[in-house]
């Protein structure tokens, strides 16, 4: 169950990076920015992408690109942040992880019972 959920999350994350890399060349190219700045660039690109999707959802990624190579889900919502995580955010994230883990465990136990393993 854990591997399935982990794989699904990884697929979503890789797809999101694909969307951002396709839209913003600064992500595709190597640069000499410090690591902290690079993290802010990724978050900034996500924020800009979400802004565009909110206020102009019909915006094309690249008007010169042919339709065959266009993004299928160009306006998936990306989460971007400031890079600073505060106590309240950490607590919310911990609670969310615990809730997800508990739901996965209960689902796993129910599946075992359904199969008659327990």
N, C-alpha and C. Protein backbone atom coordinates (compact mmCIF):
# COMPACT_ATOMS: atom_id res chain seq x y z
N UNK A 1 0.84 -1.18 0.00
CA UNK A 1 0.00 0.00 0.00
C UNK A 1 0.89 1.25 0.00
N UNK A 2 1.90 1.23 0.87
CA UNK A 2 2.80 2.38 0.93
C UNK A 2 3.48 2.59 -0.42
N UNK A 3 3.98 1.52 -1.03
CA UNK A 3 4.67 1.65 -2.32
C UNK A 3 3.75 2.21 -3.39
N UNK A 4 2.49 1.79 -3.38
CA UNK A 4 1.51 2.31 -4.35
C UNK A 4 1.32 3.80 -4.16
N UNK A 5 1.10 4.23 -2.93
CA UNK A 5 0.88 5.66 -2.67
C UNK A 5 2.13 6.47 -2.99
N UNK A 6 3.29 5.93 -2.63
CA UNK A 6 4.54 6.62 -2.91
C UNK A 6 4.74 6.77 -4.41
N UNK A 7 4.46 5.72 -5.15
CA UNK A 7 4.60 5.75 -6.61
C UNK A 7 3.65 6.76 -7.23
N UNK A 8 2.41 6.81 -6.75
CA UNK A 8 1.45 7.77 -7.27
C UNK A 8 1.89 9.20 -7.00
N UNK A 9 2.39 9.46 -5.80
CA UNK A 9 2.86 10.81 -5.46
C UNK A 9 4.05 11.18 -6.33
N UNK A 10 4.95 10.24 -6.54
CA UNK A 10 6.12 10.52 -7.37
C UNK A 10 5.72 10.85 -8.81
N UNK A 11 4.74 10.13 -9.34
CA UNK A 11 4.26 10.40 -10.70
C UNK A 11 3.70 11.81 -10.81
N UNK A 12 2.94 12.23 -9.82
CA UNK A 12 2.37 13.57 -9.83
C UNK A 12 3.48 14.62 -9.78
N UNK A 13 4.44 14.42 -8.91
CA UNK A 13 5.54 15.37 -8.77
C UNK A 13 6.35 15.46 -10.05
N UNK A 14 6.64 14.31 -10.67
CA UNK A 14 7.40 14.33 -11.93
C UNK A 14 6.62 15.03 -13.03
N UNK A 15 5.31 14.84 -13.06
CA UNK A 15 4.49 15.50 -14.07
C UNK A 15 4.48 17.01 -13.84
N UNK A 16 4.41 17.43 -12.60
CA UNK A 16 4.44 18.86 -12.28
C UNK A 16 5.76 19.47 -12.73
N UNK A 17 6.88 18.80 -12.44
CA UNK A 17 8.16 19.33 -12.88
C UNK A 17 8.22 19.37 -14.40
N UNK A 18 7.61 18.40 -15.08
CA UNK A 18 7.56 18.43 -16.54
C UNK A 18 6.83 19.65 -17.06
N UNK A 19 5.71 19.98 -16.42
CA UNK A 19 4.93 21.16 -16.81
C UNK A 19 5.77 22.43 -16.63
N UNK A 20 6.42 22.55 -15.48
CA UNK A 20 7.20 23.76 -15.20
C UNK A 20 8.42 23.84 -16.12
N UNK A 21 9.10 22.72 -16.34
CA UNK A 21 10.27 22.73 -17.22
C UNK A 21 9.88 23.10 -18.65
N UNK A 22 8.71 22.68 -19.06
CA UNK A 22 8.27 22.99 -20.43
C UNK A 22 7.97 24.49 -20.57
N UNK A 23 7.43 25.09 -19.53
CA UNK A 23 7.04 26.49 -19.60
C UNK A 23 8.20 27.45 -19.34
N UNK A 24 9.14 27.08 -18.47
CA UNK A 24 10.19 28.00 -18.04
C UNK A 24 11.57 27.43 -18.35
N UNK A 25 12.27 28.08 -19.24
CA UNK A 25 13.59 27.59 -19.66
C UNK A 25 14.62 27.67 -18.55
N UNK A 26 14.42 28.55 -17.57
CA UNK A 26 15.39 28.67 -16.49
C UNK A 26 15.49 27.36 -15.70
N UNK A 27 14.43 26.57 -15.71
CA UNK A 27 14.44 25.28 -15.01
C UNK A 27 15.19 24.22 -15.84
N UNK A 28 15.09 24.32 -17.16
CA UNK A 28 15.72 23.32 -18.04
C UNK A 28 17.23 23.49 -18.12
N UNK A 29 17.71 24.70 -18.02
CA UNK A 29 19.13 24.99 -18.26
C UNK A 29 19.91 24.97 -16.95
N UNK A 30 21.18 24.64 -17.05
CA UNK A 30 22.03 24.70 -15.87
C UNK A 30 22.34 26.15 -15.56
N UNK A 31 22.57 26.43 -14.29
CA UNK A 31 22.90 27.80 -13.89
C UNK A 31 23.87 27.74 -12.71
N UNK A 32 24.41 28.89 -12.37
CA UNK A 32 25.39 28.97 -11.29
C UNK A 32 24.82 29.63 -10.04
N UNK A 33 23.49 29.65 -9.92
CA UNK A 33 22.88 30.24 -8.74
C UNK A 33 23.13 29.34 -7.53
N UNK A 34 23.20 29.95 -6.34
CA UNK A 34 23.31 29.11 -5.14
C UNK A 34 22.07 28.22 -4.99
N UNK A 35 22.20 27.13 -4.27
CA UNK A 35 21.12 26.17 -4.11
C UNK A 35 19.86 26.83 -3.54
N UNK A 36 20.03 27.72 -2.57
CA UNK A 36 18.88 28.41 -1.97
C UNK A 36 18.13 29.23 -3.02
N UNK A 37 18.85 29.89 -3.90
CA UNK A 37 18.23 30.68 -4.97
C UNK A 37 17.53 29.76 -5.96
N UNK A 38 18.15 28.64 -6.29
CA UNK A 38 17.53 27.69 -7.22
C UNK A 38 16.20 27.18 -6.67
N UNK A 39 16.13 26.91 -5.37
CA UNK A 39 14.87 26.46 -4.76
C UNK A 39 13.81 27.55 -4.87
N UNK A 40 14.21 28.80 -4.70
CA UNK A 40 13.26 29.91 -4.82
C UNK A 40 12.79 30.08 -6.26
N UNK A 41 13.67 29.81 -7.22
CA UNK A 41 13.29 29.91 -8.64
C UNK A 41 12.20 28.90 -8.95
N UNK A 42 12.36 27.67 -8.47
CA UNK A 42 11.35 26.63 -8.72
C UNK A 42 10.03 27.03 -8.10
N UNK A 43 10.06 27.50 -6.84
CA UNK A 43 8.82 27.94 -6.18
C UNK A 43 8.21 29.12 -6.93
N UNK A 44 9.04 30.06 -7.34
CA UNK A 44 8.55 31.23 -8.07
C UNK A 44 7.88 30.85 -9.38
N UNK A 45 8.49 29.91 -10.09
CA UNK A 45 7.88 29.44 -11.35
C UNK A 45 6.53 28.80 -11.08
N UNK A 46 6.42 28.05 -9.99
CA UNK A 46 5.13 27.45 -9.63
C UNK A 46 4.08 28.50 -9.32
N UNK A 47 4.49 29.55 -8.60
CA UNK A 47 3.56 30.62 -8.26
C UNK A 47 3.11 31.35 -9.52
N UNK A 48 4.04 31.65 -10.40
CA UNK A 48 3.69 32.33 -11.66
C UNK A 48 2.76 31.45 -12.49
N UNK A 49 3.06 30.15 -12.55
CA UNK A 49 2.21 29.22 -13.31
C UNK A 49 0.79 29.21 -12.75
N UNK A 50 0.65 29.13 -11.42
CA UNK A 50 -0.69 29.14 -10.81
C UNK A 50 -1.40 30.47 -11.07
N UNK A 51 -0.67 31.57 -11.03
CA UNK A 51 -1.26 32.88 -11.30
C UNK A 51 -1.82 32.92 -12.72
N UNK A 52 -1.02 32.45 -13.67
CA UNK A 52 -1.47 32.44 -15.07
C UNK A 52 -2.70 31.55 -15.22
N UNK A 53 -2.67 30.38 -14.60
CA UNK A 53 -3.81 29.47 -14.71
C UNK A 53 -5.07 30.04 -14.07
N UNK A 54 -4.91 30.82 -13.01
CA UNK A 54 -6.06 31.42 -12.34
C UNK A 54 -6.65 32.56 -13.17
N UNK A 55 -5.81 33.42 -13.71
CA UNK A 55 -6.30 34.62 -14.37
C UNK A 55 -6.36 34.52 -15.90
N UNK A 56 -5.74 33.53 -16.49
CA UNK A 56 -5.81 33.32 -17.93
C UNK A 56 -5.65 31.83 -18.24
N UNK A 57 -6.68 31.02 -17.88
CA UNK A 57 -6.56 29.57 -18.03
C UNK A 57 -6.38 29.10 -19.48
N UNK A 58 -6.68 29.95 -20.44
CA UNK A 58 -6.52 29.58 -21.85
C UNK A 58 -5.15 29.95 -22.40
N UNK A 59 -4.27 30.43 -21.54
CA UNK A 59 -2.93 30.82 -21.97
C UNK A 59 -2.18 29.61 -22.54
N UNK A 60 -1.57 29.82 -23.70
CA UNK A 60 -0.79 28.75 -24.31
C UNK A 60 0.61 28.75 -23.73
N UNK A 61 1.20 27.56 -23.60
CA UNK A 61 2.55 27.46 -23.08
C UNK A 61 3.52 28.12 -24.04
N UNK A 62 3.43 27.77 -25.31
CA UNK A 62 4.32 28.35 -26.32
C UNK A 62 3.52 28.47 -27.61
N UNK A 63 3.19 29.69 -28.04
CA UNK A 63 2.35 29.84 -29.24
C UNK A 63 3.01 29.30 -30.50
N UNK A 64 4.33 29.11 -30.52
CA UNK A 64 5.03 28.60 -31.71
C UNK A 64 5.14 27.09 -31.71
N UNK A 65 4.75 26.46 -30.64
CA UNK A 65 4.87 25.02 -30.51
C UNK A 65 3.67 24.35 -31.18
N UNK A 66 3.91 23.22 -31.85
CA UNK A 66 2.80 22.54 -32.49
C UNK A 66 1.94 21.84 -31.45
N UNK A 67 0.68 21.57 -31.80
CA UNK A 67 -0.26 21.00 -30.84
C UNK A 67 0.15 19.62 -30.36
N UNK A 68 0.85 18.87 -31.17
CA UNK A 68 1.25 17.51 -30.79
C UNK A 68 2.17 17.51 -29.58
N UNK A 69 2.94 18.57 -29.41
CA UNK A 69 3.88 18.65 -28.30
C UNK A 69 3.38 19.52 -27.16
N UNK A 70 2.18 20.05 -27.28
CA UNK A 70 1.65 20.93 -26.23
C UNK A 70 1.36 20.13 -24.98
N UNK A 71 1.34 20.80 -23.86
CA UNK A 71 1.04 20.14 -22.60
C UNK A 71 -0.40 19.66 -22.58
N UNK A 72 -0.60 18.46 -22.06
CA UNK A 72 -1.95 17.94 -21.96
C UNK A 72 -2.70 18.61 -20.82
N UNK A 73 -2.08 18.74 -19.70
CA UNK A 73 -2.71 19.35 -18.53
C UNK A 73 -1.90 20.57 -18.12
N UNK A 74 -1.88 21.58 -18.95
CA UNK A 74 -1.02 22.73 -18.72
C UNK A 74 -1.33 23.52 -17.49
N UNK A 75 -2.52 23.43 -16.96
CA UNK A 75 -2.85 24.25 -15.80
C UNK A 75 -3.12 23.42 -14.56
N UNK A 76 -2.33 22.38 -14.36
CA UNK A 76 -2.36 21.68 -13.08
C UNK A 76 -1.88 22.66 -12.03
N UNK A 77 -2.51 22.67 -10.89
CA UNK A 77 -2.10 23.59 -9.84
C UNK A 77 -0.80 23.12 -9.21
N UNK A 78 0.17 24.00 -9.16
CA UNK A 78 1.44 23.70 -8.54
C UNK A 78 1.50 24.45 -7.23
N UNK A 79 2.10 23.84 -6.24
CA UNK A 79 2.22 24.55 -4.98
C UNK A 79 3.60 25.18 -4.90
N UNK A 80 3.62 26.44 -4.62
CA UNK A 80 4.89 27.13 -4.46
C UNK A 80 4.91 27.79 -3.10
N UNK A 81 6.06 28.03 -2.57
CA UNK A 81 6.14 28.63 -1.26
C UNK A 81 7.29 29.59 -1.17
N UNK A 82 7.45 30.14 -0.01
CA UNK A 82 8.51 31.11 0.20
C UNK A 82 9.82 30.44 0.56
N UNK A 83 9.77 29.16 0.89
CA UNK A 83 10.97 28.47 1.31
C UNK A 83 11.14 28.49 2.81
N UNK A 84 10.39 29.34 3.52
CA UNK A 84 10.45 29.41 4.97
C UNK A 84 9.28 28.62 5.54
N UNK A 85 9.59 27.60 6.35
CA UNK A 85 8.55 26.79 6.96
C UNK A 85 8.51 27.13 8.44
N UNK A 86 7.33 27.52 8.91
CA UNK A 86 7.16 27.96 10.28
C UNK A 86 6.52 26.85 11.12
N UNK A 87 6.49 27.04 12.42
CA UNK A 87 5.97 26.04 13.35
C UNK A 87 4.57 25.57 13.03
N UNK A 88 3.67 26.50 12.74
CA UNK A 88 2.28 26.13 12.44
C UNK A 88 2.21 25.28 11.17
N UNK A 89 3.01 25.63 10.17
CA UNK A 89 3.02 24.86 8.93
C UNK A 89 3.57 23.46 9.18
N UNK A 90 4.60 23.37 10.00
CA UNK A 90 5.19 22.07 10.32
C UNK A 90 4.18 21.20 11.05
N UNK A 91 3.44 21.77 11.99
CA UNK A 91 2.42 21.01 12.72
C UNK A 91 1.32 20.54 11.78
N UNK A 92 0.85 21.43 10.88
CA UNK A 92 -0.19 21.04 9.93
C UNK A 92 0.30 19.92 9.01
N UNK A 93 1.54 20.04 8.55
CA UNK A 93 2.09 19.00 7.67
C UNK A 93 2.21 17.68 8.41
N UNK A 94 2.65 17.72 9.66
CA UNK A 94 2.77 16.50 10.46
C UNK A 94 1.40 15.87 10.68
N UNK A 95 0.41 16.68 11.01
CA UNK A 95 -0.95 16.17 11.19
C UNK A 95 -1.48 15.55 9.90
N UNK A 96 -1.23 16.21 8.78
CA UNK A 96 -1.69 15.69 7.49
C UNK A 96 -1.03 14.36 7.18
N UNK A 97 0.29 14.26 7.40
CA UNK A 97 1.00 13.00 7.18
C UNK A 97 0.45 11.90 8.07
N UNK A 98 0.19 12.22 9.32
CA UNK A 98 -0.36 11.22 10.25
C UNK A 98 -1.74 10.77 9.82
N UNK A 99 -2.56 11.71 9.35
CA UNK A 99 -3.90 11.36 8.87
C UNK A 99 -3.82 10.44 7.66
N UNK A 100 -2.93 10.77 6.72
CA UNK A 100 -2.75 9.94 5.53
C UNK A 100 -2.24 8.56 5.91
N UNK A 101 -1.25 8.51 6.80
CA UNK A 101 -0.69 7.23 7.23
C UNK A 101 -1.75 6.39 7.92
N UNK A 102 -2.56 7.00 8.77
CA UNK A 102 -3.62 6.27 9.46
C UNK A 102 -4.65 5.74 8.47
N UNK A 103 -5.04 6.55 7.49
CA UNK A 103 -6.00 6.10 6.47
C UNK A 103 -5.42 4.95 5.65
N UNK A 104 -4.14 5.04 5.31
CA UNK A 104 -3.49 3.96 4.56
C UNK A 104 -3.47 2.68 5.39
N UNK A 105 -3.15 2.79 6.67
CA UNK A 105 -3.08 1.63 7.55
C UNK A 105 -4.46 0.98 7.68
N UNK A 106 -5.49 1.80 7.89
CA UNK A 106 -6.84 1.26 8.00
C UNK A 106 -7.27 0.60 6.69
N UNK A 107 -6.92 1.21 5.57
CA UNK A 107 -7.23 0.61 4.27
C UNK A 107 -6.52 -0.71 4.07
N UNK A 108 -5.28 -0.78 4.50
CA UNK A 108 -4.50 -2.02 4.40
C UNK A 108 -5.11 -3.11 5.29
N UNK A 109 -5.48 -2.74 6.52
CA UNK A 109 -6.10 -3.71 7.42
C UNK A 109 -7.43 -4.22 6.85
N UNK A 110 -8.22 -3.31 6.26
CA UNK A 110 -9.50 -3.71 5.66
C UNK A 110 -9.28 -4.66 4.49
N UNK A 111 -8.24 -4.39 3.69
CA UNK A 111 -7.94 -5.26 2.56
C UNK A 111 -7.52 -6.64 3.04
N UNK A 112 -6.71 -6.70 4.09
CA UNK A 112 -6.31 -7.99 4.66
C UNK A 112 -7.51 -8.76 5.16
N UNK A 113 -8.42 -8.07 5.84
CA UNK A 113 -9.64 -8.72 6.32
C UNK A 113 -10.49 -9.22 5.16
N UNK A 114 -10.60 -8.41 4.12
CA UNK A 114 -11.38 -8.80 2.95
C UNK A 114 -10.83 -10.07 2.32
N UNK A 115 -9.50 -10.19 2.30
CA UNK A 115 -8.85 -11.37 1.73
C UNK A 115 -8.83 -12.54 2.69
N UNK A 116 -9.21 -12.30 3.94
CA UNK A 116 -9.23 -13.37 4.93
C UNK A 116 -7.85 -13.71 5.45
N UNK A 117 -6.92 -12.80 5.36
CA UNK A 117 -5.56 -13.04 5.81
C UNK A 117 -5.46 -12.86 7.32
N UNK A 118 -6.26 -12.01 7.89
CA UNK A 118 -6.18 -11.73 9.34
C UNK A 118 -7.13 -12.58 10.11
